[in-house]
Each structure stands twice: as C-alpha cells, then as structure tokens.
Amino acid sequence: MLVLAVAAVVMVLLAQRGEEPGAELDARSHERLPSRSGR
C-alpha cells in the first residue's frame, strides 16, 4: 500500500517538474522491461 502512495507522490513531483520523460521510464521500469537500465 505504501508503494502506491510513494508512486503517486513521485508521479506528482515529476508532473510538477515539467512532465519529464521520467514518468514513462518509471512506468516501464515497473514492468521490468529492458529499457535504458541495461538489464
């Protein structure tokens, strides 16, 4: 449950920063897809 709260806060902070592409990377990392992480 805390994870969801933290995720929501992070998304809000990213949105306030200027809707950076970090939100997409966060969502992709949640799915554990091979992105820029290198895994």
PDB file of N, CA and C in Angstrom:
ATOM      1  N   MET A   1       0.849  -1.198   0.000  1.00  0.00           N
ATOM      2  CA  MET A   1       0.000   0.000   0.000  1.00  0.00           C
ATOM      3  C   MET A   1       0.882   1.244   0.000  1.00  0.00           C
ATOM      4  N   LEU A   2       1.930   1.230   0.805  1.00  0.00           N
ATOM      5  CA  LEU A   2       2.836   2.387   0.840  1.00  0.00           C
ATOM      6  C   LEU A   2       3.474   2.595  -0.526  1.00  0.00           C
ATOM      7  N   VAL A   3       3.717   1.499  -1.234  1.00  0.00           N
ATOM      8  CA  VAL A   3       4.336   1.610  -2.561  1.00  0.00           C
ATOM      9  C   VAL A   3       3.466   2.470  -3.472  1.00  0.00           C
ATOM     10  N   LEU A   4       2.162   2.244  -3.436  1.00  0.00           N
ATOM     11  CA  LEU A   4       1.255   3.022  -4.282  1.00  0.00           C
ATOM     12  C   LEU A   4       1.307   4.493  -3.898  1.00  0.00           C
ATOM     13  N   ALA A   5       1.337   4.773  -2.621  1.00  0.00           N
ATOM     14  CA  ALA A   5       1.388   6.170  -2.158  1.00  0.00           C
ATOM     15  C   ALA A   5       2.676   6.830  -2.643  1.00  0.00           C
ATOM     16  N   VAL A   6       3.786   6.133  -2.479  1.00  0.00           N
ATOM     17  CA  VAL A   6       5.080   6.680  -2.918  1.00  0.00           C
ATOM     18  C   VAL A   6       5.067   6.912  -4.426  1.00  0.00           C
ATOM     19  N   ALA A   7       4.542   5.943  -5.171  1.00  0.00           N
ATOM     20  CA  ALA A   7       4.484   6.083  -6.630  1.00  0.00           C
ATOM     21  C   ALA A   7       3.658   7.308  -7.011  1.00  0.00           C
ATOM     22  N   ALA A   8       2.544   7.505  -6.328  1.00  0.00           N
ATOM     23  CA  ALA A   8       1.683   8.661  -6.631  1.00  0.00           C
ATOM     24  C   ALA A   8       2.444   9.958  -6.367  1.00  0.00           C
ATOM     25  N   VAL A   9       3.144  10.016  -5.243  1.00  0.00           N
ATOM     26  CA  VAL A   9       3.907  11.234  -4.912  1.00  0.00           C
ATOM     27  C   VAL A   9       4.976  11.486  -5.971  1.00  0.00           C
ATOM     28  N   VAL A  10       5.670  10.427  -6.360  1.00  0.00           N
ATOM     29  CA  VAL A  10       6.733  10.572  -7.371  1.00  0.00           C
ATOM     30  C   VAL A  10       6.147  11.100  -8.676  1.00  0.00           C
ATOM     31  N   MET A  11       5.010  10.548  -9.081  1.00  0.00           N
ATOM     32  CA  MET A  11       4.384  10.990 -10.338  1.00  0.00           C
ATOM     33  C   MET A  11       3.997  12.466 -10.237  1.00  0.00           C
ATOM     34  N   VAL A  12       3.472  12.865  -9.094  1.00  0.00           N
ATOM     35  CA  VAL A  12       3.082  14.281  -8.911  1.00  0.00           C
ATOM     36  C   VAL A  12       4.319  15.172  -8.992  1.00  0.00           C
ATOM     37  N   LEU A  13       5.394  14.747  -8.326  1.00  0.00           N
ATOM     38  CA  LEU A  13       6.623  15.557  -8.349  1.00  0.00           C
ATOM     39  C   LEU A  13       7.140  15.669  -9.776  1.00  0.00           C
ATOM     40  N   LEU A  14       7.124  14.569 -10.506  1.00  0.00           N
ATOM     41  CA  LEU A  14       7.589  14.603 -11.903  1.00  0.00           C
ATOM     42  C   LEU A  14       6.714  15.540 -12.721  1.00  0.00           C
ATOM     43  N   ALA A  15       5.413  15.488 -12.504  1.00  0.00           N
ATOM     44  CA  ALA A  15       4.487  16.347 -13.255  1.00  0.00           C
ATOM     45  C   ALA A  15       4.776  17.812 -12.946  1.00  0.00           C
ATOM     46  N   GLN A  16       5.063  18.110 -11.684  1.00  0.00           N
ATOM     47  CA  GLN A  16       5.349  19.493 -11.302  1.00  0.00           C
ATOM     48  C   GLN A  16       6.671  19.957 -11.909  1.00  0.00           C
ATOM     49  N   ARG A  17       7.592  19.025 -12.097  1.00  0.00           N
ATOM     50  CA  ARG A  17       8.898  19.390 -12.673  1.00  0.00           C
ATOM     51  C   ARG A  17       8.745  19.837 -14.115  1.00  0.00           C
ATOM     52  N   GLY A  18       7.701  19.387 -14.773  1.00  0.00           N
ATOM     53  CA  GLY A  18       7.500  19.789 -16.163  1.00  0.00           C
ATOM     54  C   GLY A  18       7.192  18.592 -17.039  1.00  0.00           C
ATOM     55  N   GLU A  19       6.542  17.584 -16.455  1.00  0.00           N
ATOM     56  CA  GLU A  19       6.179  16.376 -17.211  1.00  0.00           C
ATOM     57  C   GLU A  19       7.378  15.830 -17.965  1.00  0.00           C
ATOM     58  N   GLU A  20       8.433  15.552 -17.231  1.00  0.00           N
ATOM     59  CA  GLU A  20       9.625  15.000 -17.887  1.00  0.00           C
ATOM     60  C   GLU A  20       9.369  13.547 -18.302  1.00  0.00           C
ATOM     61  N   PRO A  21      10.185  13.031 -19.227  1.00  0.00           N
ATOM     62  CA  PRO A  21      10.022  11.639 -19.687  1.00  0.00           C
ATOM     63  C   PRO A  21      10.342  10.626 -18.586  1.00  0.00           C
ATOM     64  N   GLY A  22      10.684  11.105 -17.405  1.00  0.00           N
ATOM     65  CA  GLY A  22      10.999  10.193 -16.306  1.00  0.00           C
ATOM     66  C   GLY A  22       9.785   9.368 -15.909  1.00  0.00           C
ATOM     67  N   ALA A  23       8.594   9.941 -16.082  1.00  0.00           N
ATOM     68  CA  ALA A  23       7.371   9.218 -15.728  1.00  0.00           C
ATOM     69  C   ALA A  23       7.261   7.951 -16.579  1.00  0.00           C
ATOM     70  N   GLU A  24       7.550   8.094 -17.878  1.00  0.00           N
ATOM     71  CA  GLU A  24       7.454   6.916 -18.755  1.00  0.00           C
ATOM     72  C   GLU A  24       8.488   5.878 -18.339  1.00  0.00           C
ATOM     73  N   LEU A  25       9.692   6.326 -18.033  1.00  0.00           N
ATOM     74  CA  LEU A  25      10.736   5.384 -17.626  1.00  0.00           C
ATOM     75  C   LEU A  25      10.315   4.681 -16.344  1.00  0.00           C
ATOM     76  N   ASP A  26       9.683   5.424 -15.432  1.00  0.00           N
ATOM     77  CA  ASP A  26       9.236   4.823 -14.181  1.00  0.00           C
ATOM     78  C   ASP A  26       8.199   3.732 -14.458  1.00  0.00           C
ATOM     79  N   ALA A  27       7.253   4.038 -15.329  1.00  0.00           N
ATOM     80  CA  ALA A  27       6.195   3.074 -15.642  1.00  0.00           C
ATOM     81  C   ALA A  27       6.810   1.838 -16.301  1.00  0.00           C
ATOM     82  N   ARG A  28       7.777   2.060 -17.183  1.00  0.00           N
ATOM     83  CA  ARG A  28       8.394   0.915 -17.865  1.00  0.00           C
ATOM     84  C   ARG A  28       9.208   0.090 -16.885  1.00  0.00           C
ATOM     85  N   SER A  29       9.895   0.764 -15.981  1.00  0.00           N
ATOM     86  CA  SER A  29      10.722   0.029 -15.019  1.00  0.00           C
ATOM     87  C   SER A  29       9.814  -0.817 -14.125  1.00  0.00           C
ATOM     88  N   HIS A  30       8.588  -0.323 -13.914  1.00  0.00           N
ATOM     89  CA  HIS A  30       7.648  -1.089 -13.092  1.00  0.00           C
ATOM     90  C   HIS A  30       7.349  -2.431 -13.758  1.00  0.00           C
ATOM     91  N   GLU A  31       7.306  -2.417 -15.109  1.00  0.00           N
ATOM     92  CA  GLU A  31       7.026  -3.658 -15.834  1.00  0.00           C
ATOM     93  C   GLU A  31       8.299  -4.480 -16.008  1.00  0.00           C
ATOM     94  N   ARG A  32       9.417  -3.943 -15.570  1.00  0.00           N
ATOM     95  CA  ARG A  32      10.714  -4.633 -15.685  1.00  0.00           C
ATOM     96  C   ARG A  32      11.043  -4.919 -17.146  1.00  0.00           C
ATOM     97  N   LEU A  33      10.780  -3.962 -18.011  1.00  0.00           N
ATOM     98  CA  LEU A  33      11.102  -4.159 -19.423  1.00  0.00           C
ATOM     99  C   LEU A  33      12.518  -3.666 -19.707  1.00  0.00           C
ATOM    100  N   PRO A  34      13.207  -4.304 -20.643  1.00  0.00           N
ATOM    101  CA  PRO A  34      14.576  -3.887 -20.997  1.00  0.00           C
ATOM    102  C   PRO A  34      14.583  -2.484 -21.584  1.00  0.00           C
ATOM    103  N   SER A  35      14.911  -1.507 -20.755  1.00  0.00           N
ATOM    104  CA  SER A  35      14.919  -0.119 -21.222  1.00  0.00           C
ATOM    105  C   SER A  35      16.351   0.407 -21.193  1.00  0.00           C
ATOM    106  N   ARG A  36      16.508   1.592 -20.624  1.00  0.00           N
ATOM    107  CA  ARG A  36      17.856   2.160 -20.516  1.00  0.00           C
ATOM    108  C   ARG A  36      18.569   1.636 -19.275  1.00  0.00           C
ATOM    109  N   SER A  37      17.902   0.793 -18.514  1.00  0.00           N
ATOM    110  CA  SER A  37      18.514   0.251 -17.306  1.00  0.00           C
ATOM    111  C   SER A  37      19.693  -0.640 -17.684  1.00  0.00           C
ATOM    112  N   GLY A  38      19.573  -1.322 -18.831  1.00  0.00           N
ATOM    113  CA  GLY A  38      20.655  -2.184 -19.288  1.00  0.00           C
ATOM    114  C   GLY A  38      20.442  -3.623 -18.860  1.00  0.00           C
ATOM    115  N   ARG A  39      19.295  -3.895 -18.230  1.00  0.00           N
ATOM    116  CA  ARG A  39      19.011  -5.283 -17.806  1.00  0.00           C
ATOM    117  C   ARG A  39      18.197  -5.972 -18.868  1.00  0.00           C
TER     118      ARG A  39
END
